[in-house]
N, C-alpha and C. Protein backbone atom coordinates (compact mmCIF):
# COMPACT_ATOMS: atom_id res chain seq x y z
N UNK A 1 40.38 80.59 -56.30
CA UNK A 1 40.29 81.88 -57.25
C UNK A 1 39.24 81.55 -58.16
N UNK A 2 38.06 82.52 -58.91
CA UNK A 2 37.21 82.35 -59.42
C UNK A 2 37.30 82.57 -60.48
N UNK A 3 38.74 82.84 -60.91
CA UNK A 3 38.69 83.64 -62.24
C UNK A 3 40.10 82.82 -62.94
N UNK A 4 40.16 83.08 -64.57
CA UNK A 4 41.07 82.88 -65.02
C UNK A 4 41.55 83.76 -65.86
N UNK A 5 42.81 83.90 -65.55
CA UNK A 5 43.49 85.38 -66.48
C UNK A 5 43.84 84.89 -68.17
N UNK A 6 43.05 85.50 -68.89
CA UNK A 6 43.05 85.06 -70.08
C UNK A 6 44.34 86.24 -70.64
N UNK A 7 44.00 86.24 -72.14
CA UNK A 7 45.28 87.55 -72.55
C UNK A 7 44.89 88.51 -72.28
N UNK A 8 45.33 89.33 -72.19
CA UNK A 8 45.35 90.98 -72.48
C UNK A 8 45.43 91.31 -71.22
N UNK A 9 45.31 90.39 -70.14
CA UNK A 9 45.05 90.82 -68.36
C UNK A 9 43.63 90.74 -68.30
N UNK A 10 42.82 89.66 -69.30
CA UNK A 10 41.39 90.20 -68.88
C UNK A 10 41.38 88.88 -68.15
N UNK A 11 40.11 89.13 -67.29
CA UNK A 11 39.89 87.92 -66.10
C UNK A 11 38.74 87.34 -66.58
N UNK A 12 38.47 86.26 -66.58
CA UNK A 12 37.37 85.39 -66.86
C UNK A 12 36.52 84.30 -65.86
N UNK A 13 35.67 84.77 -65.59
CA UNK A 13 34.65 83.76 -64.65
C UNK A 13 35.27 82.38 -64.85
N UNK A 14 35.35 81.24 -64.01
CA UNK A 14 35.30 80.31 -63.89
C UNK A 14 34.03 79.49 -63.62
N UNK A 15 32.70 80.15 -64.62
CA UNK A 15 31.45 79.86 -64.10
C UNK A 15 31.04 78.67 -65.70
N UNK A 16 30.08 77.86 -64.95
CA UNK A 16 29.17 77.20 -65.75
C UNK A 16 27.72 77.88 -65.67
N UNK A 17 27.39 78.33 -66.44
CA UNK A 17 25.80 78.57 -66.63
C UNK A 17 24.91 77.97 -67.46
N UNK A 18 23.98 77.16 -66.59
CA UNK A 18 23.24 76.48 -67.17
C UNK A 18 21.54 76.67 -67.18
N UNK A 19 20.74 76.05 -68.24
CA UNK A 19 19.45 76.37 -67.73
C UNK A 19 18.83 75.80 -69.28
N UNK A 20 17.47 75.19 -68.45
CA UNK A 20 16.65 74.58 -69.67
C UNK A 20 16.21 74.77 -70.77
N UNK A 21 16.14 76.47 -71.26
CA UNK A 21 15.51 77.22 -71.80
C UNK A 21 16.51 78.20 -72.18
N UNK A 22 16.66 78.70 -73.56
CA UNK A 22 17.57 79.38 -74.17
C UNK A 22 17.34 81.16 -73.53
N UNK A 23 16.18 81.04 -73.17
CA UNK A 23 15.56 82.58 -73.03
C UNK A 23 16.35 83.25 -72.15
N UNK A 24 16.59 82.61 -70.93
CA UNK A 24 17.46 82.71 -69.82
C UNK A 24 18.68 82.94 -70.20
N UNK A 25 19.64 82.35 -70.92
CA UNK A 25 20.74 82.52 -71.26
C UNK A 25 21.12 83.66 -72.25
N UNK A 26 20.06 84.13 -73.44
CA UNK A 26 20.21 85.40 -73.98
C UNK A 26 20.17 86.70 -73.05
N UNK A 27 19.54 86.29 -72.11
CA UNK A 27 19.19 87.61 -71.44
C UNK A 27 20.69 87.71 -70.67
N UNK A 28 21.20 86.74 -70.11
CA UNK A 28 22.56 86.83 -69.08
C UNK A 28 23.53 87.56 -70.70
N UNK A 29 23.83 86.84 -71.41
CA UNK A 29 24.53 87.22 -72.80
C UNK A 29 24.17 88.47 -73.12
N UNK A 30 22.99 89.12 -73.32
CA UNK A 30 22.93 90.32 -73.65
C UNK A 30 22.95 91.33 -72.56
N UNK A 31 23.07 91.35 -71.61
CA UNK A 31 22.99 91.73 -70.26
C UNK A 31 24.51 92.94 -70.23
N UNK A 32 24.61 93.24 -69.23
CA UNK A 32 26.00 94.08 -69.21
C UNK A 32 27.11 93.54 -68.20
N UNK A 33 26.86 92.09 -68.13
CA UNK A 33 27.95 91.09 -67.79
C UNK A 33 28.40 89.95 -68.54
N UNK A 34 27.36 90.00 -69.86
CA UNK A 34 27.61 88.98 -70.80
C UNK A 34 28.98 88.55 -71.39
N UNK A 35 29.70 89.87 -71.57
CA UNK A 35 30.89 89.47 -72.49
C UNK A 35 32.22 88.86 -71.37
N UNK A 36 31.72 88.92 -70.22
CA UNK A 36 33.10 88.47 -69.33
C UNK A 36 32.65 87.04 -69.14
N UNK A 37 31.66 86.72 -69.63
CA UNK A 37 31.25 84.56 -69.46
C UNK A 37 32.20 84.19 -70.51
N UNK A 38 33.07 83.16 -70.39
CA UNK A 38 33.35 82.51 -71.99
C UNK A 38 32.11 81.31 -72.57
N UNK A 39 32.05 81.76 -73.78
CA UNK A 39 30.58 81.37 -74.43
C UNK A 39 30.60 80.30 -74.64
N UNK A 40 31.54 79.16 -74.26
CA UNK A 40 31.79 77.83 -74.41
C UNK A 40 31.14 77.20 -72.77
N UNK A 41 31.12 78.08 -71.96
CA UNK A 41 30.54 77.62 -70.32
C UNK A 41 28.58 78.04 -70.32
N UNK A 42 27.97 78.37 -71.33
CA UNK A 42 26.68 78.57 -71.49
C UNK A 42 26.04 77.01 -71.97
N UNK A 43 25.34 76.67 -70.99
CA UNK A 43 24.94 75.36 -71.40
C UNK A 43 23.29 75.32 -71.34
N UNK A 44 22.15 74.90 -72.28
CA UNK A 44 21.00 75.29 -71.94
C UNK A 44 20.76 73.85 -73.06
N UNK A 45 19.25 74.10 -72.88
CA UNK A 45 18.42 73.42 -73.69
C UNK A 45 17.23 74.15 -74.75
N UNK A 46 16.33 73.63 -75.38
CA UNK A 46 15.73 74.11 -76.19
C UNK A 46 14.21 74.64 -76.12
N UNK A 47 13.97 73.96 -74.84
CA UNK A 47 11.99 73.91 -75.00
C UNK A 47 12.40 74.15 -73.27
N UNK A 48 12.91 74.12 -72.20
CA UNK A 48 12.63 74.43 -71.07
C UNK A 48 11.89 73.13 -70.61
N UNK A 49 11.28 73.31 -68.95
CA UNK A 49 10.23 72.05 -68.66
C UNK A 49 9.10 72.71 -68.34
N UNK A 50 8.33 74.35 -68.31
CA UNK A 50 7.22 74.69 -68.14
C UNK A 50 7.02 74.33 -66.79
N UNK A 51 7.83 74.64 -65.60
CA UNK A 51 7.46 74.57 -64.23
C UNK A 51 7.01 73.08 -63.86
N UNK A 52 7.30 72.28 -64.48
CA UNK A 52 7.01 70.90 -64.11
C UNK A 52 8.37 69.79 -63.53
N UNK A 53 8.20 69.98 -62.76
CA UNK A 53 10.01 69.43 -61.61
C UNK A 53 10.21 68.07 -62.80
N UNK A 54 8.99 67.08 -62.71
CA UNK A 54 9.36 65.78 -63.62
C UNK A 54 9.81 66.26 -64.46
N UNK A 55 9.44 66.53 -65.21
CA UNK A 55 9.69 67.06 -66.60
C UNK A 55 11.51 67.29 -67.04
N UNK A 56 11.62 68.46 -65.84
CA UNK A 56 12.76 68.70 -66.03
C UNK A 56 14.12 68.13 -65.40
N UNK A 57 13.72 67.28 -64.11
CA UNK A 57 14.23 66.11 -63.79
C UNK A 57 14.71 65.13 -64.55
N UNK A 58 13.78 64.46 -65.19
CA UNK A 58 13.94 63.08 -65.56
C UNK A 58 14.07 63.37 -67.33
N UNK A 59 13.62 64.06 -67.89
CA UNK A 59 13.58 64.18 -69.10
C UNK A 59 15.12 65.47 -69.88
N UNK A 60 14.16 66.80 -69.77
CA UNK A 60 14.99 67.95 -69.81
C UNK A 60 16.68 68.19 -69.13
N UNK A 61 16.51 67.70 -67.94
CA UNK A 61 17.67 67.93 -67.42
C UNK A 61 18.65 66.53 -67.77
N UNK A 62 17.77 65.45 -68.01
CA UNK A 62 18.74 64.56 -68.20
C UNK A 62 19.74 64.25 -69.33
N UNK A 63 18.72 65.09 -70.34
CA UNK A 63 19.88 65.62 -71.53
C UNK A 63 20.83 66.33 -71.69
N UNK A 64 20.42 66.96 -70.78
CA UNK A 64 21.81 68.35 -70.32
C UNK A 64 23.12 67.63 -69.80
N UNK A 65 22.34 66.64 -68.74
CA UNK A 65 23.54 66.75 -67.35
C UNK A 65 25.09 66.03 -68.40
N UNK A 66 25.31 65.63 -69.17
CA UNK A 66 26.62 65.08 -69.97
C UNK A 66 27.12 66.42 -70.40
N UNK A 67 26.41 67.16 -70.91
CA UNK A 67 27.10 68.18 -71.42
C UNK A 67 27.31 69.38 -70.00
N UNK A 68 26.40 69.18 -69.35
CA UNK A 68 26.90 70.13 -68.02
C UNK A 68 28.33 69.57 -67.18
N UNK A 69 28.52 68.23 -67.19
CA UNK A 69 29.57 67.65 -66.47
C UNK A 69 31.01 67.76 -67.51
N UNK A 70 30.40 67.80 -68.40
CA UNK A 70 31.95 68.29 -69.23
C UNK A 70 32.37 69.22 -69.41
N UNK A 71 31.53 70.21 -69.70
CA UNK A 71 32.10 71.59 -69.01
C UNK A 71 32.91 71.75 -67.80
N UNK A 72 32.34 71.70 -66.79
CA UNK A 72 32.50 71.16 -64.99
C UNK A 72 34.11 70.76 -65.25
N UNK A 73 33.75 69.76 -65.84
CA UNK A 73 35.39 68.72 -66.07
C UNK A 73 36.36 69.68 -66.66
N UNK A 74 36.38 70.38 -67.90
CA UNK A 74 37.57 71.28 -68.13
C UNK A 74 37.41 72.26 -67.92
N UNK A 75 36.52 72.73 -66.83
CA UNK A 75 37.26 73.86 -66.13
C UNK A 75 37.97 73.57 -64.91
N UNK A 76 37.65 72.45 -64.39
CA UNK A 76 38.28 71.62 -63.19
C UNK A 76 39.80 71.64 -63.65
N UNK A 77 39.91 70.55 -64.92
CA UNK A 77 41.17 70.69 -65.23
C UNK A 77 42.24 71.74 -66.04
N UNK A 78 41.58 72.99 -65.75
CA UNK A 78 42.30 74.36 -65.93
C UNK A 78 43.09 74.33 -64.77
N UNK A 79 42.47 74.10 -63.49
CA UNK A 79 42.93 74.28 -62.32
C UNK A 79 44.26 73.94 -62.14
N UNK A 80 44.77 74.71 -60.82
CA UNK A 80 46.12 74.32 -60.61
C UNK A 80 45.58 72.96 -59.41
N UNK A 81 44.77 73.70 -58.54
CA UNK A 81 44.28 72.78 -57.11
C UNK A 81 43.44 72.82 -56.83
N UNK A 82 42.15 72.03 -57.33
CA UNK A 82 40.81 72.47 -57.28
C UNK A 82 40.57 71.99 -55.82
N UNK A 83 39.97 73.14 -55.24
CA UNK A 83 39.56 72.69 -53.67
C UNK A 83 37.86 72.45 -53.40
N UNK A 84 36.96 72.42 -54.42
CA UNK A 84 35.40 72.31 -53.98
C UNK A 84 34.92 73.30 -55.51
N UNK A 85 33.90 72.73 -55.36
CA UNK A 85 32.69 73.73 -56.42
C UNK A 85 31.64 74.19 -55.73
N UNK A 86 31.05 75.13 -56.19
CA UNK A 86 29.99 75.98 -55.61
C UNK A 86 28.66 75.75 -56.64
N UNK A 87 27.79 75.16 -56.32
CA UNK A 87 26.72 75.02 -56.78
C UNK A 87 25.58 76.27 -56.32
N UNK A 88 24.92 76.77 -56.92
CA UNK A 88 24.16 77.95 -56.87
C UNK A 88 23.12 77.69 -57.42
N UNK A 89 21.67 77.85 -56.87
CA UNK A 89 20.66 77.76 -57.49
C UNK A 89 19.68 79.01 -57.01
N UNK A 90 19.52 79.78 -57.87
CA UNK A 90 18.75 81.29 -57.66
C UNK A 90 17.60 81.49 -59.05
N UNK A 91 17.33 82.52 -58.44
CA UNK A 91 15.88 83.36 -59.56
C UNK A 91 17.10 84.07 -60.54
N UNK A 92 17.08 83.95 -61.13
CA UNK A 92 17.75 84.52 -62.76
C UNK A 92 17.59 86.39 -62.31
N UNK A 93 15.92 86.31 -62.58
CA UNK A 93 15.47 88.20 -62.69
C UNK A 93 16.10 88.70 -60.87
N UNK A 94 16.32 87.94 -60.26
CA UNK A 94 17.14 88.74 -58.83
C UNK A 94 18.33 89.40 -59.88
N UNK A 95 19.26 88.50 -60.20
CA UNK A 95 20.04 89.29 -60.51
C UNK A 95 20.33 89.72 -61.94
N UNK A 96 19.38 89.93 -62.58
CA UNK A 96 18.91 90.89 -63.52
C UNK A 96 18.63 92.59 -63.08
N UNK A 97 17.77 92.66 -62.07
CA UNK A 97 17.35 93.34 -61.22
C UNK A 97 18.92 94.32 -60.80
N UNK A 98 19.65 93.57 -60.07
CA UNK A 98 20.97 94.37 -59.82
C UNK A 98 22.12 94.40 -60.77
């Protein structure tokens, strides 16, 4: 199951949203589906990598990995029987168009 049932019968996705820059997370939050995600599960950096793979991998991304793993751990602890983790890497612009 990819959702937790919150108060008042509301369903909240078990999702961790991560990016190196805050702009994309702000777009998701202000979009039509932004209110369904847990605010604590948005993890983002402050500057981004500027399309530089090495900077994203070794500096900016390395600084966020502990925060991301902490949020993933908390979501996993809330599961009755964790069977796996689905990781997705996609272009946010495609999501925002639909």
